[in-house]
PDB file of N, CA and C in Angstrom:
ATOM      1  N   MET A   1      47.697-212.459 -33.900  1.00  0.00           N
ATOM      2  CA  MET A   1      48.136-211.144 -34.315  1.00  0.00           C
ATOM      3  C   MET A   1      47.017-210.499 -35.149  1.00  0.00           C
ATOM      4  N   ALA A   2      46.710-209.264 -34.872  1.00  0.00           N
ATOM      5  CA  ALA A   2      45.658-208.529 -35.579  1.00  0.00           C
ATOM      6  C   ALA A   2      46.077-208.213 -37.009  1.00  0.00           C
ATOM      7  N   ASN A   3      45.107-208.223 -37.899  1.00  0.00           N
ATOM      8  CA  ASN A   3      45.335-207.833 -39.290  1.00  0.00           C
ATOM      9  C   ASN A   3      44.596-206.520 -39.505  1.00  0.00           C
ATOM     10  N   LEU A   4      45.327-205.430 -39.512  1.00  0.00           N
ATOM     11  CA  LEU A   4      44.754-204.110 -39.734  1.00  0.00           C
ATOM     12  C   LEU A   4      45.293-203.570 -41.050  1.00  0.00           C
ATOM     13  N   THR A   5      44.408-203.257 -41.972  1.00  0.00           N
ATOM     14  CA  THR A   5      44.819-202.767 -43.282  1.00  0.00           C
ATOM     15  C   THR A   5      43.978-201.563 -43.644  1.00  0.00           C
ATOM     16  N   LYS A   6      44.620-200.536 -44.164  1.00  0.00           N
ATOM     17  CA  LYS A   6      43.924-199.333 -44.608  1.00  0.00           C
ATOM     18  C   LYS A   6      44.461-198.947 -45.978  1.00  0.00           C
ATOM     19  N   LYS A   7      43.549-198.573 -46.877  1.00  0.00           N
ATOM     20  CA  LYS A   7      43.921-198.114 -48.209  1.00  0.00           C
ATOM     21  C   LYS A   7      43.058-196.914 -48.564  1.00  0.00           C
ATOM     22  N   SER A   8      43.484-196.171 -49.579  1.00  0.00           N
ATOM     23  CA  SER A   8      42.739-194.995 -50.016  1.00  0.00           C
ATOM     24  C   SER A   8      42.209-195.200 -51.433  1.00  0.00           C
ATOM     25  N   PHE A   9      40.944-194.802 -51.648  1.00  0.00           N
ATOM     26  CA  PHE A   9      40.395-194.841 -53.003  1.00  0.00           C
ATOM     27  C   PHE A   9      41.120-193.864 -53.921  1.00  0.00           C
ATOM     28  N   ASP A  10      41.850-192.912 -53.359  1.00  0.00           N
ATOM     29  CA  ASP A  10      42.613-191.964 -54.170  1.00  0.00           C
ATOM     30  C   ASP A  10      43.890-192.585 -54.725  1.00  0.00           C
ATOM     31  N   ASN A  11      44.257-193.764 -54.233  1.00  0.00           N
ATOM     32  CA  ASN A  11      45.415-194.508 -54.720  1.00  0.00           C
ATOM     33  C   ASN A  11      45.007-195.976 -54.882  1.00  0.00           C
ATOM     34  N   PRO A  12      44.104-196.268 -55.855  1.00  0.00           N
ATOM     35  CA  PRO A  12      43.527-197.621 -55.969  1.00  0.00           C
ATOM     36  C   PRO A  12      44.517-198.649 -56.475  1.00  0.00           C
ATOM     37  N   ASP A  13      44.216-199.913 -56.171  1.00  0.00           N
ATOM     38  CA  ASP A  13      44.996-201.023 -56.718  1.00  0.00           C
ATOM     39  C   ASP A  13      44.688-201.227 -58.194  1.00  0.00           C
ATOM     40  N   ASP A  14      43.489-200.868 -58.614  1.00  0.00           N
ATOM     41  CA  ASP A  14      43.068-201.004 -60.002  1.00  0.00           C
ATOM     42  C   ASP A  14      42.102-199.878 -60.315  1.00  0.00           C
ATOM     43  N   LEU A  15      42.143-199.401 -61.541  1.00  0.00           N
ATOM     44  CA  LEU A  15      41.240-198.349 -62.004  1.00  0.00           C
ATOM     45  C   LEU A  15      40.591-198.822 -63.294  1.00  0.00           C
ATOM     46  N   ILE A  16      39.262-198.819 -63.309  1.00  0.00           N
ATOM     47  CA  ILE A  16      38.511-199.245 -64.491  1.00  0.00           C
ATOM     48  C   ILE A  16      37.696-198.047 -64.939  1.00  0.00           C
ATOM     49  N   SER A  17      37.817-197.668 -66.223  1.00  0.00           N
ATOM     50  CA  SER A  17      37.147-196.438 -66.646  1.00  0.00           C
ATOM     51  C   SER A  17      36.556-196.521 -68.046  1.00  0.00           C
ATOM     52  N   PRO A  18      35.539-197.389 -68.234  1.00  0.00           N
ATOM     53  CA  PRO A  18      34.815-197.350 -69.506  1.00  0.00           C
ATOM     54  C   PRO A  18      34.046-196.031 -69.626  1.00  0.00           C
ATOM     55  N   ASP A  19      33.360-195.821 -70.721  1.00  0.00           N
ATOM     56  CA  ASP A  19      32.622-194.594 -70.988  1.00  0.00           C
ATOM     57  C   ASP A  19      31.737-194.170 -69.811  1.00  0.00           C
ATOM     58  N   LYS A  20      31.854-192.920 -69.381  1.00  0.00           N
ATOM     59  CA  LYS A  20      31.040-192.319 -68.312  1.00  0.00           C
ATOM     60  C   LYS A  20      31.156-193.038 -66.978  1.00  0.00           C
ATOM     61  N   THR A  21      32.245-193.823 -66.789  1.00  0.00           N
ATOM     62  CA  THR A  21      32.394-194.666 -65.603  1.00  0.00           C
ATOM     63  C   THR A  21      33.796-194.538 -65.037  1.00  0.00           C
ATOM     64  N   ARG A  22      33.869-194.544 -63.706  1.00  0.00           N
ATOM     65  CA  ARG A  22      35.159-194.628 -63.028  1.00  0.00           C
ATOM     66  C   ARG A  22      34.965-195.542 -61.828  1.00  0.00           C
ATOM     67  N   ALA A  23      35.753-196.599 -61.757  1.00  0.00           N
ATOM     68  CA  ALA A  23      35.684-197.531 -60.636  1.00  0.00           C
ATOM     69  C   ALA A  23      37.082-197.697 -60.056  1.00  0.00           C
ATOM     70  N   GLU A  24      37.263-197.225 -58.829  1.00  0.00           N
ATOM     71  CA  GLU A  24      38.533-197.386 -58.124  1.00  0.00           C
ATOM     72  C   GLU A  24      38.404-198.621 -57.237  1.00  0.00           C
ATOM     73  N   VAL A  25      39.318-199.572 -57.430  1.00  0.00           N
ATOM     74  CA  VAL A  25      39.234-200.876 -56.777  1.00  0.00           C
ATOM     75  C   VAL A  25      40.363-201.023 -55.757  1.00  0.00           C
ATOM     76  N   LEU A  26      39.979-201.389 -54.537  1.00  0.00           N
ATOM     77  CA  LEU A  26      40.945-201.708 -53.486  1.00  0.00           C
ATOM     78  C   LEU A  26      40.837-203.190 -53.192  1.00  0.00           C
ATOM     79  N   GLU A  27      41.972-203.867 -53.125  1.00  0.00           N
ATOM     80  CA  GLU A  27      41.984-205.303 -52.891  1.00  0.00           C
ATOM     81  C   GLU A  27      42.399-205.604 -51.460  1.00  0.00           C
ATOM     82  N   PHE A  28      41.568-206.405 -50.788  1.00  0.00           N
ATOM     83  CA  PHE A  28      41.831-206.858 -49.427  1.00  0.00           C
ATOM     84  C   PHE A  28      41.736-208.379 -49.417  1.00  0.00           C
ATOM     85  N   GLY A  29      42.726-209.026 -49.964  1.00  0.00           N
ATOM     86  CA  GLY A  29      42.687-210.488 -50.064  1.00  0.00           C
ATOM     87  C   GLY A  29      41.584-210.914 -51.009  1.00  0.00           C
ATOM     88  N   THR A  30      40.621-211.675 -50.505  1.00  0.00           N
ATOM     89  CA  THR A  30      39.541-212.176 -51.360  1.00  0.00           C
ATOM     90  C   THR A  30      38.381-211.188 -51.505  1.00  0.00           C
ATOM     91  N   VAL A  31      38.438-210.079 -50.792  1.00  0.00           N
ATOM     92  CA  VAL A  31      37.370-209.081 -50.857  1.00  0.00           C
ATOM     93  C   VAL A  31      37.889-207.817 -51.530  1.00  0.00           C
ATOM     94  N   LYS A  32      37.044-207.235 -52.371  1.00  0.00           N
ATOM     95  CA  LYS A  32      37.377-205.981 -53.033  1.00  0.00           C
ATOM     96  C   LYS A  32      36.390-204.908 -52.590  1.00  0.00           C
ATOM     97  N   ALA A  33      36.893-203.706 -52.407  1.00  0.00           N
ATOM     98  CA  ALA A  33      36.058-202.535 -52.134  1.00  0.00           C
ATOM     99  C   ALA A  33      36.181-201.640 -53.359  1.00  0.00           C
ATOM    100  N   ILE A  34      35.058-201.141 -53.863  1.00  0.00           N
ATOM    101  CA  ILE A  34      35.045-200.380 -55.105  1.00  0.00           C
ATOM    102  C   ILE A  34      34.262-199.095 -54.921  1.00  0.00           C
ATOM    103  N   ARG A  35      34.858-197.971 -55.310  1.00  0.00           N
ATOM    104  CA  ARG A  35      34.109-196.719 -55.389  1.00  0.00           C
ATOM    105  C   ARG A  35      33.746-196.540 -56.855  1.00  0.00           C
ATOM    106  N   VAL A  36      32.453-196.533 -57.130  1.00  0.00           N
ATOM    107  CA  VAL A  36      31.945-196.443 -58.498  1.00  0.00           C
ATOM    108  C   VAL A  36      31.341-195.059 -58.703  1.00  0.00           C
ATOM    109  N   THR A  37      31.786-194.390 -59.755  1.00  0.00           N
ATOM    110  CA  THR A  37      31.192-193.114 -60.159  1.00  0.00           C
ATOM    111  C   THR A  37      30.678-193.278 -61.575  1.00  0.00           C
ATOM    112  N   ALA A  38      29.380-193.059 -61.767  1.00  0.00           N
ATOM    113  CA  ALA A  38      28.755-193.145 -63.090  1.00  0.00           C
ATOM    114  C   ALA A  38      28.114-191.792 -63.380  1.00  0.00           C
ATOM    115  N   GLN A  39      28.462-191.230 -64.510  1.00  0.00           N
ATOM    116  CA  GLN A  39      28.021-189.885 -64.870  1.00  0.00           C
ATOM    117  C   GLN A  39      26.551-189.860 -65.310  1.00  0.00           C
ATOM    118  N   PRO A  40      25.916-188.695 -65.227  1.00  0.00           N
ATOM    119  CA  PRO A  40      24.549-188.568 -65.748  1.00  0.00           C
ATOM    120  C   PRO A  40      24.488-189.075 -67.195  1.00  0.00           C
ATOM    121  N   GLY A  41      23.439-189.828 -67.507  1.00  0.00           N
ATOM    122  CA  GLY A  41      23.299-190.410 -68.834  1.00  0.00           C
ATOM    123  C   GLY A  41      23.913-191.792 -68.962  1.00  0.00           C
ATOM    124  N   TRP A  42      24.628-192.248 -67.925  1.00  0.00           N
ATOM    125  CA  TRP A  42      25.234-193.580 -67.943  1.00  0.00           C
ATOM    126  C   TRP A  42      24.151-194.645 -67.952  1.00  0.00           C
ATOM    127  N   THR A  43      24.347-195.670 -68.795  1.00  0.00           N
ATOM    128  CA  THR A  43      23.556-196.896 -68.723  1.00  0.00           C
ATOM    129  C   THR A  43      24.512-198.069 -68.878  1.00  0.00           C
ATOM    130  N   TRP A  44      24.176-199.173 -68.231  1.00  0.00           N
ATOM    131  CA  TRP A  44      25.011-200.364 -68.391  1.00  0.00           C
ATOM    132  C   TRP A  44      25.042-200.776 -69.849  1.00  0.00           C
ATOM    133  N   SER A  45      23.879-200.766 -70.501  1.00  0.00           N
ATOM    134  CA  SER A  45      23.778-201.282 -71.871  1.00  0.00           C
ATOM    135  C   SER A  45      24.594-200.453 -72.869  1.00  0.00           C
ATOM    136  N   GLU A  46      24.765-199.155 -72.623  1.00  0.00           N
ATOM    137  CA  GLU A  46      25.531-198.319 -73.554  1.00  0.00           C
ATOM    138  C   GLU A  46      26.994-198.174 -73.165  1.00  0.00           C
ATOM    139  N   CYS A  47      27.300-198.192 -71.875  1.00  0.00           N
ATOM    140  CA  CYS A  47      28.662-197.900 -71.427  1.00  0.00           C
ATOM    141  C   CYS A  47      29.485-199.135 -71.069  1.00  0.00           C
ATOM    142  N   ILE A  48      28.851-200.194 -70.611  1.00  0.00           N
ATOM    143  CA  ILE A  48      29.587-201.377 -70.166  1.00  0.00           C
ATOM    144  C   ILE A  48      29.406-202.564 -71.108  1.00  0.00           C
ATOM    145  N   LYS A  49      28.200-202.774 -71.585  1.00  0.00           N
ATOM    146  CA  LYS A  49      27.913-203.903 -72.478  1.00  0.00           C
ATOM    147  C   LYS A  49      28.889-204.015 -73.648  1.00  0.00           C
ATOM    148  N   PRO A  50      29.277-202.905 -74.311  1.00  0.00           N
ATOM    149  CA  PRO A  50      30.221-203.043 -75.427  1.00  0.00           C
ATOM    150  C   PRO A  50      31.557-203.673 -75.025  1.00  0.00           C
ATOM    151  N   HIS A  51      31.911-203.596 -73.735  1.00  0.00           N
ATOM    152  CA  HIS A  51      33.186-204.149 -73.265  1.00  0.00           C
ATOM    153  C   HIS A  51      33.073-205.592 -72.798  1.00  0.00           C
ATOM    154  N   VAL A  52      31.870-205.996 -72.349  1.00  0.00           N
ATOM    155  CA  VAL A  52      31.732-207.329 -71.760  1.00  0.00           C
ATOM    156  C   VAL A  52      30.752-208.229 -72.491  1.00  0.00           C
ATOM    157  N   GLY A  53      29.899-207.648 -73.341  1.00  0.00           N
ATOM    158  CA  GLY A  53      28.918-208.447 -74.066  1.00  0.00           C
ATOM    159  C   GLY A  53      27.772-208.887 -73.172  1.00  0.00           C
ATOM    160  N   GLY A  54      26.916-209.728 -73.713  1.00  0.00           N
ATOM    161  CA  GLY A  54      25.756-210.219 -72.981  1.00  0.00           C
ATOM    162  C   GLY A  54      24.580-209.268 -73.122  1.00  0.00           C
ATOM    163  N   GLU A  55      23.446-209.748 -72.683  1.00  0.00           N
ATOM    164  CA  GLU A  55      22.232-208.941 -72.786  1.00  0.00           C
ATOM    165  C   GLU A  55      21.981-208.094 -71.550  1.00  0.00           C
ATOM    166  N   SER A  56      22.592-208.479 -70.407  1.00  0.00           N
ATOM    167  CA  SER A  56      22.423-207.725 -69.175  1.00  0.00           C
ATOM    168  C   SER A  56      23.637-207.963 -68.285  1.00  0.00           C
ATOM    169  N   CYS A  57      23.770-207.152 -67.243  1.00  0.00           N
ATOM    170  CA  CYS A  57      24.896-207.290 -66.315  1.00  0.00           C
ATOM    171  C   CYS A  57      24.758-208.595 -65.552  1.00  0.00           C
ATOM    172  N   GLN A  58      25.794-209.417 -65.581  1.00  0.00           N
ATOM    173  CA  GLN A  58      25.760-210.714 -64.918  1.00  0.00           C
ATOM    174  C   GLN A  58      26.529-210.712 -63.601  1.00  0.00           C
ATOM    175  N   ALA A  59      26.800-209.521 -63.075  1.00  0.00           N
ATOM    176  CA  ALA A  59      27.466-209.393 -61.781  1.00  0.00           C
ATOM    177  C   ALA A  59      26.436-209.105 -60.701  1.00  0.00           C
ATOM    178  N   GLY A  60      26.706-209.572 -59.504  1.00  0.00           N
ATOM    179  CA  GLY A  60      25.919-209.176 -58.350  1.00  0.00           C
ATOM    180  C   GLY A  60      26.568-207.968 -57.706  1.00  0.00           C
ATOM    181  N   HIS A  61      25.776-207.120 -57.082  1.00  0.00           N
ATOM    182  CA  HIS A  61      26.302-205.911 -56.452  1.00  0.00           C
ATOM    183  C   HIS A  61      25.747-205.777 -55.047  1.00  0.00           C
ATOM    184  N   LEU A  62      26.612-205.425 -54.103  1.00  0.00           N
ATOM    185  CA  LEU A  62      26.227-205.119 -52.736  1.00  0.00           C
ATOM    186  C   LEU A  62      26.928-203.827 -52.380  1.00  0.00           C
ATOM    187  N   GLY A  63      26.159-202.787 -52.082  1.00  0.00           N
ATOM    188  CA  GLY A  63      26.804-201.522 -51.830  1.00  0.00           C
ATOM    189  C   GLY A  63      25.905-200.500 -51.183  1.00  0.00           C
ATOM    190  N   ALA A  64      26.383-199.259 -51.196  1.00  0.00           N
ATOM    191  CA  ALA A  64      25.645-198.131 -50.634  1.00  0.00           C
ATOM    192  C   ALA A  64      25.881-196.922 -51.526  1.00  0.00           C
ATOM    193  N   CYS A  65      24.814-196.191 -51.801  1.00  0.00           N
ATOM    194  CA  CYS A  65      24.876-194.983 -52.628  1.00  0.00           C
ATOM    195  C   CYS A  65      25.078-193.774 -51.722  1.00  0.00           C
ATOM    196  N   VAL A  66      26.030-192.918 -52.076  1.00  0.00           N
ATOM    197  CA  VAL A  66      26.258-191.690 -51.311  1.00  0.00           C
ATOM    198  C   VAL A  66      25.881-190.439 -52.096  1.00  0.00           C
ATOM    199  N   GLN A  67      25.639-190.591 -53.404  1.00  0.00           N
ATOM    200  CA  GLN A  67      25.250-189.443 -54.228  1.00  0.00           C
ATOM    201  C   GLN A  67      24.544-189.941 -55.479  1.00  0.00           C
ATOM    202  N   GLY A  68      23.561-189.182 -55.944  1.00  0.00           N
ATOM    203  CA  GLY A  68      22.906-189.476 -57.209  1.00  0.00           C
ATOM    204  C   GLY A  68      21.777-190.484 -57.078  1.00  0.00           C
ATOM    205  N   THR A  69      21.227-190.828 -58.259  1.00  0.00           N
ATOM    206  CA  THR A  69      20.102-191.755 -58.329  1.00  0.00           C
ATOM    207  C   THR A  69      20.273-192.665 -59.536  1.00  0.00           C
ATOM    208  N   MET A  70      20.034-193.964 -59.321  1.00  0.00           N
ATOM    209  CA  MET A  70      20.108-194.941 -60.402  1.00  0.00           C
ATOM    210  C   MET A  70      18.836-195.780 -60.410  1.00  0.00           C
ATOM    211  N   ARG A  71      18.322-196.019 -61.612  1.00  0.00           N
ATOM    212  CA  ARG A  71      17.226-196.974 -61.801  1.00  0.00           C
ATOM    213  C   ARG A  71      17.843-198.297 -62.212  1.00  0.00           C
ATOM    214  N   VAL A  72      17.453-199.370 -61.546  1.00  0.00           N
ATOM    215  CA  VAL A  72      17.924-200.713 -61.874  1.00  0.00           C
ATOM    216  C   VAL A  72      16.720-201.522 -62.321  1.00  0.00           C
ATOM    217  N   THR A  73      16.840-202.139 -63.498  1.00  0.00           N
ATOM    218  CA  THR A  73      15.762-202.962 -64.043  1.00  0.00           C
ATOM    219  C   THR A  73      16.280-204.379 -64.213  1.00  0.00           C
ATOM    220  N   HIS A  74      15.653-205.324 -63.504  1.00  0.00           N
ATOM    221  CA  HIS A  74      16.058-206.725 -63.596  1.00  0.00           C
ATOM    222  C   HIS A  74      15.480-207.343 -64.864  1.00  0.00           C
ATOM    223  N   ASP A  75      16.088-208.421 -65.326  1.00  0.00           N
ATOM    224  CA  ASP A  75      15.627-209.118 -66.529  1.00  0.00           C
ATOM    225  C   ASP A  75      14.162-209.546 -66.427  1.00  0.00           C
ATOM    226  N   ASP A  76      13.663-209.779 -65.210  1.00  0.00           N
ATOM    227  CA  ASP A  76      12.266-210.195 -65.054  1.00  0.00           C
ATOM    228  C   ASP A  76      11.297-209.019 -65.057  1.00  0.00           C
ATOM    229  N   GLY A  77      11.827-207.792 -65.251  1.00  0.00           N
ATOM    230  CA  GLY A  77      10.980-206.612 -65.335  1.00  0.00           C
ATOM    231  C   GLY A  77      10.841-205.828 -64.042  1.00  0.00           C
ATOM    232  N   THR A  78      11.269-206.394 -62.907  1.00  0.00           N
ATOM    233  CA  THR A  78      11.184-205.639 -61.660  1.00  0.00           C
ATOM    234  C   THR A  78      12.195-204.502 -61.674  1.00  0.00           C
ATOM    235  N   GLU A  79      11.809-203.396 -61.031  1.00  0.00           N
ATOM    236  CA  GLU A  79      12.663-202.205 -61.002  1.00  0.00           C
ATOM    237  C   GLU A  79      12.804-201.704 -59.573  1.00  0.00           C
ATOM    238  N   MET A  80      13.901-200.988 -59.341  1.00  0.00           N
ATOM    239  CA  MET A  80      14.047-200.241 -58.110  1.00  0.00           C
ATOM    240  C   MET A  80      14.853-198.989 -58.408  1.00  0.00           C
ATOM    241  N   ILE A  81      14.638-197.989 -57.578  1.00  0.00           N
ATOM    242  CA  ILE A  81      15.380-196.739 -57.662  1.00  0.00           C
ATOM    243  C   ILE A  81      16.312-196.696 -56.461  1.00  0.00           C
ATOM    244  N   VAL A  82      17.598-196.453 -56.698  1.00  0.00           N
ATOM    245  CA  VAL A  82      18.589-196.342 -55.638  1.00  0.00           C
ATOM    246  C   VAL A  82      18.963-194.869 -55.506  1.00  0.00           C
ATOM    247  N   ASN A  83      18.768-194.323 -54.315  1.00  0.00           N
ATOM    248  CA  ASN A  83      19.064-192.925 -54.018  1.00  0.00           C
ATOM    249  C   ASN A  83      20.188-192.820 -52.996  1.00  0.00           C
ATOM    250  N   ALA A  84      20.760-191.624 -52.870  1.00  0.00           N
ATOM    251  CA  ALA A  84      21.762-191.366 -51.840  1.00  0.00           C
ATOM    252  C   ALA A  84      21.188-191.761 -50.482  1.00  0.00           C
ATOM    253  N   GLY A  85      21.982-192.473 -49.711  1.00  0.00           N
ATOM    254  CA  GLY A  85      21.554-192.948 -48.405  1.00  0.00           C
ATOM    255  C   GLY A  85      21.027-194.362 -48.412  1.00  0.00           C
ATOM    256  N   ASP A  86      20.814-194.944 -49.592  1.00  0.00           N
ATOM    257  CA  ASP A  86      20.314-196.317 -49.704  1.00  0.00           C
ATOM    258  C   ASP A  86      21.459-197.324 -49.757  1.00  0.00           C
ATOM    259  N   ALA A  87      21.284-198.449 -49.087  1.00  0.00           N
ATOM    260  CA  ALA A  87      22.130-199.622 -49.296  1.00  0.00           C
ATOM    261  C   ALA A  87      21.384-200.510 -50.282  1.00  0.00           C
ATOM    262  N   TYR A  88      22.112-201.262 -51.106  1.00  0.00           N
ATOM    263  CA  TYR A  88      21.454-202.056 -52.140  1.00  0.00           C
ATOM    264  C   TYR A  88      22.125-203.403 -52.345  1.00  0.00           C
ATOM    265  N   SER A  89      21.296-204.354 -52.771  1.00  0.00           N
ATOM    266  CA  SER A  89      21.746-205.658 -53.202  1.00  0.00           C
ATOM    267  C   SER A  89      21.056-205.924 -54.534  1.00  0.00           C
ATOM    268  N   ILE A  90      21.852-206.191 -55.570  1.00  0.00           N
ATOM    269  CA  ILE A  90      21.322-206.379 -56.920  1.00  0.00           C
ATOM    270  C   ILE A  90      21.819-207.730 -57.428  1.00  0.00           C
ATOM    271  N   SER A  91      20.896-208.592 -57.808  1.00  0.00           N
ATOM    272  CA  SER A  91      21.281-209.910 -58.315  1.00  0.00           C
ATOM    273  C   SER A  91      21.676-209.811 -59.790  1.00  0.00           C
ATOM    274  N   PRO A  92      22.448-210.785 -60.278  1.00  0.00           N
ATOM    275  CA  PRO A  92      22.827-210.794 -61.694  1.00  0.00           C
ATOM    276  C   PRO A  92      21.596-210.786 -62.598  1.00  0.00           C
ATOM    277  N   GLY A  93      21.775-210.208 -63.794  1.00  0.00           N
ATOM    278  CA  GLY A  93      20.705-210.152 -64.783  1.00  0.00           C
ATOM    279  C   GLY A  93      19.932-208.854 -64.689  1.00  0.00           C
ATOM    280  N   HIS A  94      20.601-207.731 -64.927  1.00  0.00           N
ATOM    281  CA  HIS A  94      19.955-206.428 -64.787  1.00  0.00           C
ATOM    282  C   HIS A  94      20.622-205.400 -65.690  1.00  0.00           C
ATOM    283  N   ASP A  95      19.971-204.272 -65.832  1.00  0.00           N
ATOM    284  CA  ASP A  95      20.527-203.085 -66.481  1.00  0.00           C
ATOM    285  C   ASP A  95      20.403-201.962 -65.470  1.00  0.00           C
ATOM    286  N   GLY A  96      21.210-200.942 -65.622  1.00  0.00           N
ATOM    287  CA  GLY A  96      21.166-199.786 -64.736  1.00  0.00           C
ATOM    288  C   GLY A  96      21.230-198.512 -65.547  1.00  0.00           C
ATOM    289  N   GLU A  97      20.673-197.437 -64.975  1.00  0.00           N
ATOM    290  CA  GLU A  97      20.644-196.146 -65.657  1.00  0.00           C
ATOM    291  C   GLU A  97      20.712-195.037 -64.612  1.00  0.00           C
ATOM    292  N   VAL A  98      21.696-194.135 -64.749  1.00  0.00           N
ATOM    293  CA  VAL A  98      21.760-192.972 -63.870  1.00  0.00           C
ATOM    294  C   VAL A  98      20.674-192.007 -64.328  1.00  0.00           C
ATOM    295  N   ILE A  99      19.766-191.668 -63.416  1.00  0.00           N
ATOM    296  CA  ILE A  99      18.636-190.804 -63.774  1.00  0.00           C
ATOM    297  C   ILE A  99      18.700-189.453 -63.071  1.00  0.00           C
ATOM    298  N   SER A 100      19.773-189.181 -62.345  1.00  0.00           N
ATOM    299  CA  SER A 100      19.937-187.889 -61.686  1.00  0.00           C
ATOM    300  C   SER A 100      20.790-186.970 -62.555  1.00  0.00           C
ATOM    301  N   ASP A 101      20.732-185.673 -62.235  1.00  0.00           N
ATOM    302  CA  ASP A 101      21.555-184.689 -62.937  1.00  0.00           C
ATOM    303  C   ASP A 101      22.973-184.644 -62.385  1.00  0.00           C
ATOM    304  N   GLU A 102      23.215-185.355 -61.303  1.00  0.00           N
ATOM    305  CA  GLU A 102      24.545-185.429 -60.713  1.00  0.00           C
ATOM    306  C   GLU A 102      25.048-186.861 -60.836  1.00  0.00           C
ATOM    307  N   PRO A 103      26.362-187.067 -60.763  1.00  0.00           N
ATOM    308  CA  PRO A 103      26.887-188.429 -60.861  1.00  0.00           C
ATOM    309  C   PRO A 103      26.357-189.316 -59.742  1.00  0.00           C
ATOM    310  N   PHE A 104      26.208-190.603 -60.052  1.00  0.00           N
ATOM    311  CA  PHE A 104      25.910-191.633 -59.064  1.00  0.00           C
ATOM    312  C   PHE A 104      27.237-192.067 -58.474  1.00  0.00           C
ATOM    313  N   ILE A 105      27.352-192.029 -57.155  1.00  0.00           N
ATOM    314  CA  ILE A 105      28.551-192.530 -56.477  1.00  0.00           C
ATOM    315  C   ILE A 105      28.115-193.594 -55.489  1.00  0.00           C
ATOM    316  N   GLY A 106      28.665-194.778 -55.655  1.00  0.00           N
ATOM    317  CA  GLY A 106      28.365-195.889 -54.764  1.00  0.00           C
ATOM    318  C   GLY A 106      29.642-196.566 -54.312  1.00  0.00           C
ATOM    319  N   TYR A 107      29.576-197.150 -53.140  1.00  0.00           N
ATOM    320  CA  TYR A 107      30.670-197.966 -52.614  1.00  0.00           C
ATOM    321  C   TYR A 107      30.174-199.394 -52.576  1.00  0.00           C
ATOM    322  N   GLU A 108      30.909-200.300 -53.230  1.00  0.00           N
ATOM    323  CA  GLU A 108      30.486-201.691 -53.327  1.00  0.00           C
ATOM    324  C   GLU A 108      31.560-202.611 -52.770  1.00  0.00           C
ATOM    325  N   PHE A 109      31.097-203.773 -52.319  1.00  0.00           N
ATOM    326  CA  PHE A 109      31.989-204.773 -51.743  1.00  0.00           C
ATOM    327  C   PHE A 109      31.661-206.115 -52.369  1.00  0.00           C
ATOM    328  N   ASN A 110      32.704-206.847 -52.774  1.00  0.00           N
ATOM    329  CA  ASN A 110      32.452-208.165 -53.346  1.00  0.00           C
ATOM    330  C   ASN A 110      33.612-209.096 -53.067  1.00  0.00           C
ATOM    331  N   ASN A 111      33.337-210.366 -53.191  1.00  0.00           N
ATOM    332  CA  ASN A 111      34.379-211.397 -53.064  1.00  0.00           C
ATOM    333  C   ASN A 111      34.327-212.312 -54.279  1.00  0.00           C
ATOM    334  N   GLN A 112      33.991-211.741 -55.429  1.00  0.00           N
ATOM    335  CA  GLN A 112      33.858-212.524 -56.655  1.00  0.00           C
ATOM    336  C   GLN A 112      35.194-212.798 -57.332  1.00  0.00           C
ATOM    337  N   GLY A 113      36.280-212.230 -56.795  1.00  0.00           N
ATOM    338  CA  GLY A 113      37.589-212.483 -57.368  1.00  0.00           C
ATOM    339  C   GLY A 113      37.840-211.714 -58.644  1.00  0.00           C
ATOM    340  N   LYS A 114      37.039-210.701 -58.919  1.00  0.00           N
ATOM    341  CA  LYS A 114      37.212-209.901 -60.124  1.00  0.00           C
ATOM    342  C   LYS A 114      37.162-208.435 -59.741  1.00  0.00           C
ATOM    343  N   SER A 115      37.900-207.623 -60.490  1.00  0.00           N
ATOM    344  CA  SER A 115      37.742-206.194 -60.323  1.00  0.00           C
ATOM    345  C   SER A 115      36.353-205.835 -60.778  1.00  0.00           C
ATOM    346  N   PHE A 116      35.724-204.947 -60.105  1.00  0.00           N
ATOM    347  CA  PHE A 116      34.330-204.590 -60.239  1.00  0.00           C
ATOM    348  C   PHE A 116      33.555-205.590 -61.078  1.00  0.00           C
ATOM    349  N   ALA A 117      33.393-206.738 -60.493  1.00  0.00           N
ATOM    350  CA  ALA A 117      32.595-207.815 -61.079  1.00  0.00           C
ATOM    351  C   ALA A 117      33.162-208.204 -62.432  1.00  0.00           C
ATOM    352  N   VAL A 118      32.460-207.919 -63.523  1.00  0.00           N
ATOM    353  CA  VAL A 118      32.914-208.426 -64.830  1.00  0.00           C
ATOM    354  C   VAL A 118      33.278-207.311 -65.802  1.00  0.00           C
ATOM    355  N   TRP A 119      33.394-206.090 -65.327  1.00  0.00           N
ATOM    356  CA  TRP A 119      33.651-204.983 -66.255  1.00  0.00           C
ATOM    357  C   TRP A 119      34.942-205.130 -67.032  1.00  0.00           C
ATOM    358  N   ASP A 120      35.980-205.648 -66.396  1.00  0.00           N
ATOM    359  CA  ASP A 120      37.263-205.678 -67.106  1.00  0.00           C
ATOM    360  C   ASP A 120      37.614-207.077 -67.625  1.00  0.00           C
ATOM    361  N   ASN A 121      36.671-208.013 -67.533  1.00  0.00           N
ATOM    362  CA  ASN A 121      36.856-209.377 -68.049  1.00  0.00           C
ATOM    363  C   ASN A 121      38.033-210.128 -67.452  1.00  0.00           C
ATOM    364  N   ASN A 122      38.511-209.741 -66.268  1.00  0.00           N
ATOM    365  CA  ASN A 122      39.593-210.503 -65.614  1.00  0.00           C
ATOM    366  C   ASN A 122      39.039-211.691 -64.878  1.00  0.00           C
TER     367      ASN A 122
END
């Protein structure tokens, strides 16, 4: 029997909204789909770190950007710029910063068993 499931980001299973951030989470068994919106001026270190602690983001991210631009700096000093139209894979141990004048909107997929990785400490 086929398993066909459809959900809307406009009616998420979970909503996470720290400072300058909105993450709508859809749960599909062990996989989560997340629409992430980060406002201009957003940085992981200022907006997320106060909620989760640590020196850098310890979540991995796999997704695609549909709007905006983010600079990602890994703990080892390597950097990349993610623009609209880019797919991205980011390993744990990084910081991020929205560097566009418009919000960064990305769609991410994970099977880490947590709502948007570690933002909500679940």
